[in-house]
N, C-alpha and C. Protein backbone atom coordinates (compact mmCIF):
# COMPACT_ATOMS: atom_id res chain seq x y z
N MET A 1 0.92 -0.91 -0.05
CA MET A 1 -0.22 0.07 -0.19
C MET A 1 1.03 1.38 0.27
N ALA A 2 0.78 1.67 -1.13
CA ALA A 2 1.47 3.47 -1.37
C ALA A 2 0.70 3.99 -0.28
N ALA A 3 1.53 5.55 0.04
CA ALA A 3 1.26 6.47 1.09
C ALA A 3 0.15 7.04 0.38
N PRO A 4 -1.11 7.80 0.94
CA PRO A 4 -1.48 8.33 0.48
C PRO A 4 -1.09 9.85 -0.08
N SER A 5 -1.77 10.68 -0.64
CA SER A 5 -1.32 11.73 -1.08
C SER A 5 -2.50 12.42 -0.44
N PHE A 6 -2.43 14.14 0.17
CA PHE A 6 -3.20 15.13 0.68
C PHE A 6 -3.19 16.30 0.19
N ARG A 7 -4.74 16.44 0.47
CA ARG A 7 -4.62 17.74 -0.27
C ARG A 7 -5.95 18.03 0.38
N ILE A 8 -6.47 19.81 0.23
CA ILE A 8 -7.58 20.94 0.81
C ILE A 8 -8.88 20.17 -0.34
N ALA A 9 -10.09 19.36 0.22
CA ALA A 9 -11.07 18.94 -0.83
C ALA A 9 -11.64 19.80 -1.44
N ILE A 10 -12.12 19.50 -2.60
CA ILE A 10 -12.95 19.87 -3.27
C ILE A 10 -14.43 19.35 -3.67
N ALA A 11 -15.18 20.58 -3.78
CA ALA A 11 -16.42 20.31 -4.47
C ALA A 11 -16.81 18.63 -4.96
N THR A 12 -16.11 18.05 -5.89
CA THR A 12 -15.92 17.27 -6.23
C THR A 12 -15.58 15.55 -5.39
N ASP A 13 -15.38 16.22 -4.21
CA ASP A 13 -14.91 15.26 -3.06
C ASP A 13 -16.03 14.75 -1.91
N THR A 14 -16.97 15.71 -2.32
CA THR A 14 -17.90 16.48 -1.14
C THR A 14 -19.13 14.84 -1.06
N ASP A 15 -18.89 13.96 -1.84
CA ASP A 15 -20.05 12.72 -2.12
C ASP A 15 -19.25 11.56 -0.80
N ALA A 16 -17.94 11.41 -1.35
CA ALA A 16 -16.43 10.43 -0.99
C ALA A 16 -16.39 10.74 0.54
N ILE A 17 -16.97 12.06 1.19
CA ILE A 17 -16.28 12.69 2.26
C ILE A 17 -17.73 12.52 3.51
N ARG A 18 -18.66 12.75 2.31
CA ARG A 18 -20.53 12.57 3.18
C ARG A 18 -20.19 11.31 3.88
N SER A 19 -20.05 10.16 2.55
CA SER A 19 -19.93 9.02 2.46
C SER A 19 -19.45 8.11 4.04
N LEU A 20 -18.22 8.87 3.62
CA LEU A 20 -16.94 8.13 5.12
C LEU A 20 -17.70 8.63 5.86
N LEU A 21 -18.29 9.67 6.40
CA LEU A 21 -18.67 10.28 7.57
C LEU A 21 -19.78 9.14 7.99
N ASP A 22 -20.74 9.27 7.08
CA ASP A 22 -22.12 8.48 7.26
C ASP A 22 -22.03 6.67 7.42
N GLN A 23 -20.81 6.24 6.80
CA GLN A 23 -20.48 5.07 7.30
C GLN A 23 -19.87 5.21 8.98
N SER A 24 -18.77 5.90 9.41
CA SER A 24 -18.62 5.87 11.22
C SER A 24 -19.86 6.88 11.90
N GLY A 25 -21.00 6.91 11.39
CA GLY A 25 -21.48 7.85 12.17
C GLY A 25 -21.78 9.21 12.66
N LEU A 26 -20.45 9.96 11.62
CA LEU A 26 -20.45 11.23 12.62
C LEU A 26 -21.30 12.34 11.93
N PRO A 27 -21.78 13.49 12.19
CA PRO A 27 -22.69 14.58 11.86
C PRO A 27 -22.27 14.54 10.28
N THR A 28 -23.58 15.35 9.57
CA THR A 28 -23.21 15.75 8.12
C THR A 28 -24.61 16.67 8.36
N ALA A 29 -25.66 16.28 8.91
CA ALA A 29 -26.72 17.68 8.64
C ALA A 29 -26.96 19.00 8.82
N ASP A 30 -25.23 19.62 8.89
CA ASP A 30 -24.92 20.86 8.86
C ASP A 30 -24.01 21.28 7.90
N LEU A 31 -23.38 20.14 7.13
CA LEU A 31 -22.64 20.85 6.23
C LEU A 31 -22.67 21.67 5.13
N ALA A 32 -23.71 21.00 4.71
CA ALA A 32 -24.18 22.29 3.60
C ALA A 32 -23.85 24.16 4.25
N HIS A 33 -24.15 24.60 5.33
CA HIS A 33 -24.58 25.18 5.63
C HIS A 33 -23.60 26.10 6.91
N SER A 34 -22.85 25.04 7.40
CA SER A 34 -21.56 25.36 8.30
C SER A 34 -20.20 25.28 7.80
N VAL A 35 -19.83 24.66 6.61
CA VAL A 35 -19.32 24.85 5.18
C VAL A 35 -17.25 24.59 6.02
N PRO A 36 -17.53 23.13 6.91
CA PRO A 36 -16.31 23.56 7.05
C PRO A 36 -15.06 23.11 6.22
N GLU A 37 -13.88 23.87 6.08
CA GLU A 37 -12.98 23.48 5.68
C GLU A 37 -12.60 22.03 5.63
N PHE A 38 -12.18 21.12 4.55
CA PHE A 38 -12.03 19.22 5.11
C PHE A 38 -11.10 19.81 4.07
N ILE A 39 -10.11 18.38 4.34
CA ILE A 39 -8.73 18.23 4.42
C ILE A 39 -8.93 16.32 3.98
N VAL A 40 -8.05 16.07 2.60
CA VAL A 40 -8.85 14.67 2.40
C VAL A 40 -7.22 14.53 1.85
N ALA A 41 -7.59 12.37 2.44
CA ALA A 41 -5.92 12.17 2.14
C ALA A 41 -6.79 10.65 1.49
N CYS A 42 -5.47 10.71 0.19
CA CYS A 42 -6.67 9.89 -1.02
C CYS A 42 -5.31 8.86 -1.52
N GLU A 43 -6.03 7.82 -2.21
CA GLU A 43 -5.17 6.51 -2.68
C GLU A 43 -5.42 7.04 -4.41
N GLY A 44 -4.88 7.38 -5.12
CA GLY A 44 -4.79 7.61 -5.85
C GLY A 44 -6.19 8.46 -5.74
N ALA A 45 -7.54 8.11 -7.24
CA ALA A 45 -8.62 8.70 -6.83
C ALA A 45 -9.53 9.13 -5.73
N ILE A 46 -9.43 7.33 -4.48
CA ILE A 46 -10.06 7.84 -3.77
C ILE A 46 -9.84 8.35 -2.73
N VAL A 47 -10.96 8.97 -2.01
CA VAL A 47 -10.81 8.97 -0.56
C VAL A 47 -10.62 8.07 0.11
N VAL A 48 -9.39 8.42 0.92
CA VAL A 48 -9.75 7.18 2.37
C VAL A 48 -9.53 7.66 3.37
N GLY A 49 -10.04 9.10 3.37
CA GLY A 49 -9.63 10.06 5.09
C GLY A 49 -10.27 11.22 4.65
N THR A 50 -11.00 11.73 5.88
CA THR A 50 -10.79 13.26 5.75
C THR A 50 -10.94 13.80 7.48
N GLY A 51 -10.91 15.01 7.66
CA GLY A 51 -11.19 15.90 8.71
C GLY A 51 -11.57 17.43 8.40
N GLY A 52 -12.50 17.87 9.41
CA GLY A 52 -12.75 19.53 8.87
C GLY A 52 -12.33 20.17 10.13
N LEU A 53 -11.90 21.43 9.36
CA LEU A 53 -12.26 23.29 10.29
C LEU A 53 -13.05 23.68 10.42
N GLN A 54 -13.52 23.91 11.72
CA GLN A 54 -14.66 25.08 10.93
C GLN A 54 -13.61 26.14 11.59
N ARG A 55 -14.29 27.39 11.38
CA ARG A 55 -13.94 28.72 12.15
C ARG A 55 -14.93 28.87 12.87
N CYS A 56 -14.89 29.54 14.74
CA CYS A 56 -15.43 29.79 15.59
C CYS A 56 -14.78 30.59 16.32
N GLY A 57 -15.13 32.26 15.32
CA GLY A 57 -14.23 33.25 15.83
C GLY A 57 -12.70 32.74 16.08
N ALA A 58 -12.22 32.94 17.55
CA ALA A 58 -10.79 33.00 17.41
C ALA A 58 -10.32 31.14 17.31
N THR A 59 -11.18 30.55 17.39
CA THR A 59 -11.34 29.00 17.94
C THR A 59 -12.17 28.28 16.71
N GLY A 60 -11.12 27.46 16.29
CA GLY A 60 -11.20 26.19 15.15
C GLY A 60 -11.77 25.09 16.24
N LEU A 61 -12.92 24.83 15.76
CA LEU A 61 -13.83 23.40 15.62
C LEU A 61 -13.43 21.90 15.12
N LEU A 62 -12.20 21.47 15.39
CA LEU A 62 -11.90 20.37 14.31
C LEU A 62 -13.04 18.66 14.46
N ARG A 63 -13.70 18.93 13.36
CA ARG A 63 -14.68 17.66 13.47
C ARG A 63 -14.45 16.81 12.77
N SER A 64 -15.39 15.72 12.78
CA SER A 64 -15.24 14.27 11.30
C SER A 64 -13.82 14.11 10.92
N VAL A 65 -12.97 13.75 12.21
CA VAL A 65 -11.76 13.30 11.30
C VAL A 65 -11.80 11.34 11.39
N VAL A 66 -12.23 11.02 9.76
CA VAL A 66 -12.48 9.68 9.94
C VAL A 66 -11.10 9.05 8.61
N VAL A 67 -11.33 7.76 9.22
CA VAL A 67 -10.18 7.47 7.84
C VAL A 67 -10.64 5.73 7.99
N SER A 68 -10.98 5.82 6.18
CA SER A 68 -11.86 3.92 6.17
C SER A 68 -10.69 2.59 6.65
N GLU A 69 -11.55 2.59 6.69
CA GLU A 69 -11.52 0.95 7.87
C GLU A 69 -9.75 0.52 7.22
N SER A 70 -9.56 0.21 6.07
CA SER A 70 -8.59 -0.58 5.60
C SER A 70 -7.49 0.42 5.54
N TRP A 71 -7.60 2.11 6.14
CA TRP A 71 -5.87 2.73 6.54
C TRP A 71 -5.94 3.23 7.38
N ARG A 72 -6.90 2.52 8.39
CA ARG A 72 -6.84 2.72 10.15
C ARG A 72 -5.44 1.85 10.83
N GLY A 73 -4.81 2.79 10.88
CA GLY A 73 -3.80 2.16 12.30
C GLY A 73 -2.47 2.57 11.17
N SER A 74 -2.97 3.29 10.45
CA SER A 74 -1.43 3.40 9.20
C SER A 74 -0.82 5.40 9.21
N GLY A 75 -1.60 5.64 10.15
CA GLY A 75 -0.98 7.38 10.54
C GLY A 75 -1.93 8.63 9.87
N VAL A 76 -2.72 7.58 9.14
CA VAL A 76 -3.28 9.10 8.36
C VAL A 76 -4.08 9.35 9.30
N GLY A 77 -5.13 9.12 10.00
CA GLY A 77 -5.67 10.26 10.79
C GLY A 77 -5.12 11.21 11.50
N ARG A 78 -3.30 10.47 12.10
CA ARG A 78 -2.79 11.92 12.43
C ARG A 78 -1.81 12.92 11.99
N ALA A 79 -2.02 12.05 10.55
CA ALA A 79 -1.25 13.29 9.07
C ALA A 79 -2.12 14.22 8.85
N ILE A 80 -4.28 13.35 9.07
CA ILE A 80 -4.80 14.73 8.80
C ILE A 80 -4.88 15.74 9.70
N VAL A 81 -5.17 15.25 11.25
CA VAL A 81 -4.89 16.09 12.38
C VAL A 81 -3.76 16.98 12.51
N GLU A 82 -2.67 16.49 11.84
CA GLU A 82 -1.56 17.54 11.69
C GLU A 82 -1.52 19.09 10.78
N ARG A 83 -2.22 18.37 9.90
CA ARG A 83 -2.47 18.96 8.34
C ARG A 83 -3.46 19.85 9.28
N LEU A 84 -4.47 19.78 9.42
CA LEU A 84 -5.81 20.26 10.35
C LEU A 84 -5.10 21.61 10.88
N GLU A 85 -4.81 21.37 11.66
CA GLU A 85 -3.92 21.82 13.13
C GLU A 85 -3.06 22.97 12.13
N ARG A 86 -1.97 23.01 11.37
CA ARG A 86 -1.27 23.44 10.71
C ARG A 86 -2.63 24.90 9.56
N ARG A 87 -3.18 24.72 9.68
CA ARG A 87 -4.29 25.42 8.64
C ARG A 87 -4.67 26.46 9.32
N ALA A 88 -5.14 25.89 10.58
CA ALA A 88 -5.61 26.98 11.90
C ALA A 88 -4.93 27.17 12.38
N GLN A 89 -3.29 27.34 12.22
CA GLN A 89 -2.44 28.79 12.87
C GLN A 89 -2.58 29.55 11.13
N GLN A 90 -2.49 28.85 10.28
CA GLN A 90 -2.53 29.50 9.07
C GLN A 90 -3.74 30.73 9.40
N LEU A 91 -4.44 30.33 9.52
CA LEU A 91 -5.64 31.28 10.13
C LEU A 91 -5.87 32.03 10.83
N GLY A 92 -4.74 32.09 12.05
CA GLY A 92 -4.73 32.94 13.01
C GLY A 92 -5.23 31.99 13.88
N LEU A 93 -5.91 30.93 14.50
CA LEU A 93 -6.70 30.21 15.00
C LEU A 93 -6.09 30.06 16.57
N SER A 94 -5.99 30.73 17.72
CA SER A 94 -5.62 30.17 18.49
C SER A 94 -5.92 28.78 19.28
N GLU A 95 -6.42 27.93 19.33
CA GLU A 95 -6.96 26.89 20.35
C GLU A 95 -8.08 26.22 18.78
N LEU A 96 -7.98 25.14 18.82
CA LEU A 96 -8.67 23.78 18.78
C LEU A 96 -9.64 23.41 19.68
N VAL A 97 -10.84 22.70 19.27
CA VAL A 97 -12.01 22.13 20.24
C VAL A 97 -12.70 20.91 19.47
N LEU A 98 -13.02 20.07 20.23
CA LEU A 98 -13.44 18.90 19.66
C LEU A 98 -14.38 18.11 20.69
N LEU A 99 -15.24 17.40 19.82
CA LEU A 99 -16.03 16.72 20.15
C LEU A 99 -15.73 15.30 20.23
N THR A 100 -16.08 14.46 20.40
CA THR A 100 -15.60 12.87 20.64
C THR A 100 -16.43 11.87 21.52
N GLN A 101 -16.89 11.03 20.77
CA GLN A 101 -17.74 9.73 21.60
C GLN A 101 -16.62 8.64 21.33
N THR A 102 -15.59 8.36 20.80
CA THR A 102 -14.79 7.07 20.97
C THR A 102 -13.69 7.43 20.53
N ALA A 103 -13.29 8.34 20.13
CA ALA A 103 -11.59 8.98 19.97
C ALA A 103 -10.52 9.47 21.09
N THR A 104 -11.50 9.67 21.72
CA THR A 104 -10.64 10.26 23.03
C THR A 104 -8.97 10.03 23.18
N ARG A 105 -8.36 9.12 23.16
CA ARG A 105 -6.94 8.44 23.39
C ARG A 105 -6.39 8.73 21.90
N PHE A 106 -7.00 8.91 21.15
CA PHE A 106 -6.12 9.12 19.45
C PHE A 106 -5.81 10.55 19.95
N PHE A 107 -6.82 11.51 20.86
CA PHE A 107 -6.41 13.06 19.99
C PHE A 107 -5.22 13.63 21.46
N GLU A 108 -5.79 12.27 22.23
CA GLU A 108 -4.98 13.15 23.41
C GLU A 108 -3.11 12.51 22.90
N ARG A 109 -3.10 11.56 22.16
CA ARG A 109 -1.98 11.42 22.31
C ARG A 109 -1.15 12.79 21.08
N GLN A 110 -2.46 13.02 20.62
CA GLN A 110 -1.94 14.74 19.97
C GLN A 110 -1.78 15.82 20.64
N GLY A 111 -2.24 15.80 22.08
CA GLY A 111 -1.60 16.56 22.92
C GLY A 111 -2.64 17.61 23.05
N TYR A 112 -4.15 16.63 22.87
CA TYR A 112 -5.67 17.50 23.22
C TYR A 112 -5.74 17.31 24.50
N ARG A 113 -6.60 17.75 25.44
CA ARG A 113 -6.52 17.74 26.72
C ARG A 113 -8.11 17.33 26.77
N VAL A 114 -8.72 16.54 27.58
CA VAL A 114 -10.36 16.87 28.14
C VAL A 114 -10.35 18.20 28.52
N ILE A 115 -11.31 18.48 28.66
CA ILE A 115 -12.01 19.83 29.29
C ILE A 115 -13.67 19.79 29.73
N GLU A 116 -14.28 20.41 30.49
CA GLU A 116 -15.80 20.22 30.32
C GLU A 116 -16.59 21.05 29.23
N ARG A 117 -17.67 20.16 29.12
CA ARG A 117 -18.27 21.00 27.61
C ARG A 117 -18.83 22.99 27.74
N ARG A 118 -18.48 22.77 28.95
CA ARG A 118 -19.20 24.31 29.35
C ARG A 118 -18.57 25.16 29.56
N ASP A 119 -16.67 25.02 29.43
CA ASP A 119 -15.93 25.29 29.34
C ASP A 119 -15.33 25.93 27.50
N ALA A 120 -16.08 25.62 26.83
CA ALA A 120 -15.51 25.67 25.17
C ALA A 120 -15.92 27.05 25.35
N PRO A 121 -15.01 27.83 24.44
CA PRO A 121 -15.15 29.00 23.96
C PRO A 121 -17.08 29.01 23.52
N ALA A 122 -18.10 30.39 23.62
CA ALA A 122 -18.87 30.60 23.30
C ALA A 122 -19.16 30.65 21.96
N ALA A 123 -17.95 30.88 20.87
CA ALA A 123 -18.32 31.02 19.96
C ALA A 123 -18.73 29.33 19.32
N VAL A 124 -17.65 28.02 19.96
CA VAL A 124 -17.81 27.18 19.41
C VAL A 124 -18.77 26.25 20.39
N LEU A 125 -19.24 26.80 21.63
CA LEU A 125 -20.69 27.07 22.11
C LEU A 125 -21.83 26.44 21.23
N ALA A 126 -21.92 27.86 20.44
CA ALA A 126 -23.19 28.07 19.75
C ALA A 126 -23.12 27.46 18.52
N SER A 127 -22.32 26.72 18.05
CA SER A 127 -22.12 25.53 16.66
C SER A 127 -23.03 24.80 16.99
N GLU A 128 -23.58 24.43 15.72
CA GLU A 128 -24.83 23.62 15.38
C GLU A 128 -24.11 22.35 16.41
N GLU A 129 -23.05 21.54 15.94
CA GLU A 129 -22.38 20.47 16.17
C GLU A 129 -22.31 20.86 17.71
N PHE A 130 -22.32 21.49 18.74
CA PHE A 130 -21.94 21.72 20.38
C PHE A 130 -23.60 21.70 20.48
N ARG A 131 -24.75 22.21 19.80
CA ARG A 131 -25.98 22.79 20.30
C ARG A 131 -26.82 20.93 19.70
N MET A 132 -26.96 20.95 18.85
CA MET A 132 -27.59 19.83 18.65
C MET A 132 -27.18 18.52 17.93
N LEU A 133 -26.07 18.64 17.08
CA LEU A 133 -25.47 17.48 16.65
C LEU A 133 -25.00 16.04 17.41
N CYS A 134 -24.14 16.65 18.36
CA CYS A 134 -23.24 15.34 19.27
C CYS A 134 -24.72 15.53 20.15
N PRO A 135 -24.05 14.44 20.55
CA PRO A 135 -24.95 13.94 21.98
C PRO A 135 -24.28 14.44 23.96
N GLN A 136 -24.52 14.83 24.13
CA GLN A 136 -24.01 15.44 25.67
C GLN A 136 -23.30 14.61 26.20
N SER A 137 -23.17 12.91 26.20
CA SER A 137 -22.53 12.72 25.88
C SER A 137 -20.52 12.58 25.65
N ALA A 138 -20.56 13.03 24.56
CA ALA A 138 -19.39 13.34 23.32
C ALA A 138 -18.53 13.95 24.78
N VAL A 139 -17.17 13.28 24.36
CA VAL A 139 -16.24 14.07 25.43
C VAL A 139 -15.52 15.58 25.01
N CYS A 140 -15.38 16.64 24.96
CA CYS A 140 -15.11 17.95 25.08
C CYS A 140 -13.11 17.93 25.15
N MET A 141 -12.71 18.29 24.00
CA MET A 141 -11.38 18.24 24.15
C MET A 141 -10.76 19.55 23.84
N LEU A 142 -9.61 20.16 24.38
CA LEU A 142 -8.88 21.68 24.08
C LEU A 142 -7.45 21.03 23.70
N LYS A 143 -7.12 21.76 22.39
CA LYS A 143 -5.59 22.00 21.95
C LYS A 143 -5.35 23.13 22.14
N TYR A 144 -4.63 24.22 22.70
CA TYR A 144 -3.72 25.38 22.41
C TYR A 144 -2.38 25.48 21.19
N LEU A 145 -3.10 26.39 20.78
CA LEU A 145 -2.15 26.41 19.38
C LEU A 145 -0.51 27.45 19.24
N HIS A 146 0.23 27.04 18.87
CA HIS A 146 1.49 27.99 18.95
C HIS A 146 2.11 28.61 17.28
N ASN A 147 1.31 29.53 17.34
CA ASN A 147 1.43 30.67 16.17
C ASN A 147 2.71 31.49 15.86
N PRO A 148 3.25 30.49 14.96
CA PRO A 148 4.59 31.56 14.03
C PRO A 148 4.57 32.91 14.35
């Protein structure tokens, strides 16, 4: 298996992104109007992983990091998160927040720490993902970014 290539998603990736998210039970209901920027990992023309970044004021909402089953454990998820973090820094964002039900340990290894959901920045708390799409049982995590 050759290493995948990574790039910012384009309009023709929308169906593949939505399919990966649906297969993993991740929210898609707000994608059309929240307009997160996605990174995709591709094996040739096939999208094998993705992750999104949604701006919420000075904070980024890291959302929907998913890797196809055949690529899990290969470092693709970590590489997507690293690219999303670099993109957030380029945008001048000071921190990233996320919600997860299954990947707490994965994100802890990437430097994220668990916080109380109510302690997330107000702009993030106002997002549809926080208000309606993710269950209250989801773990909230935060990572401060060191901007160059």
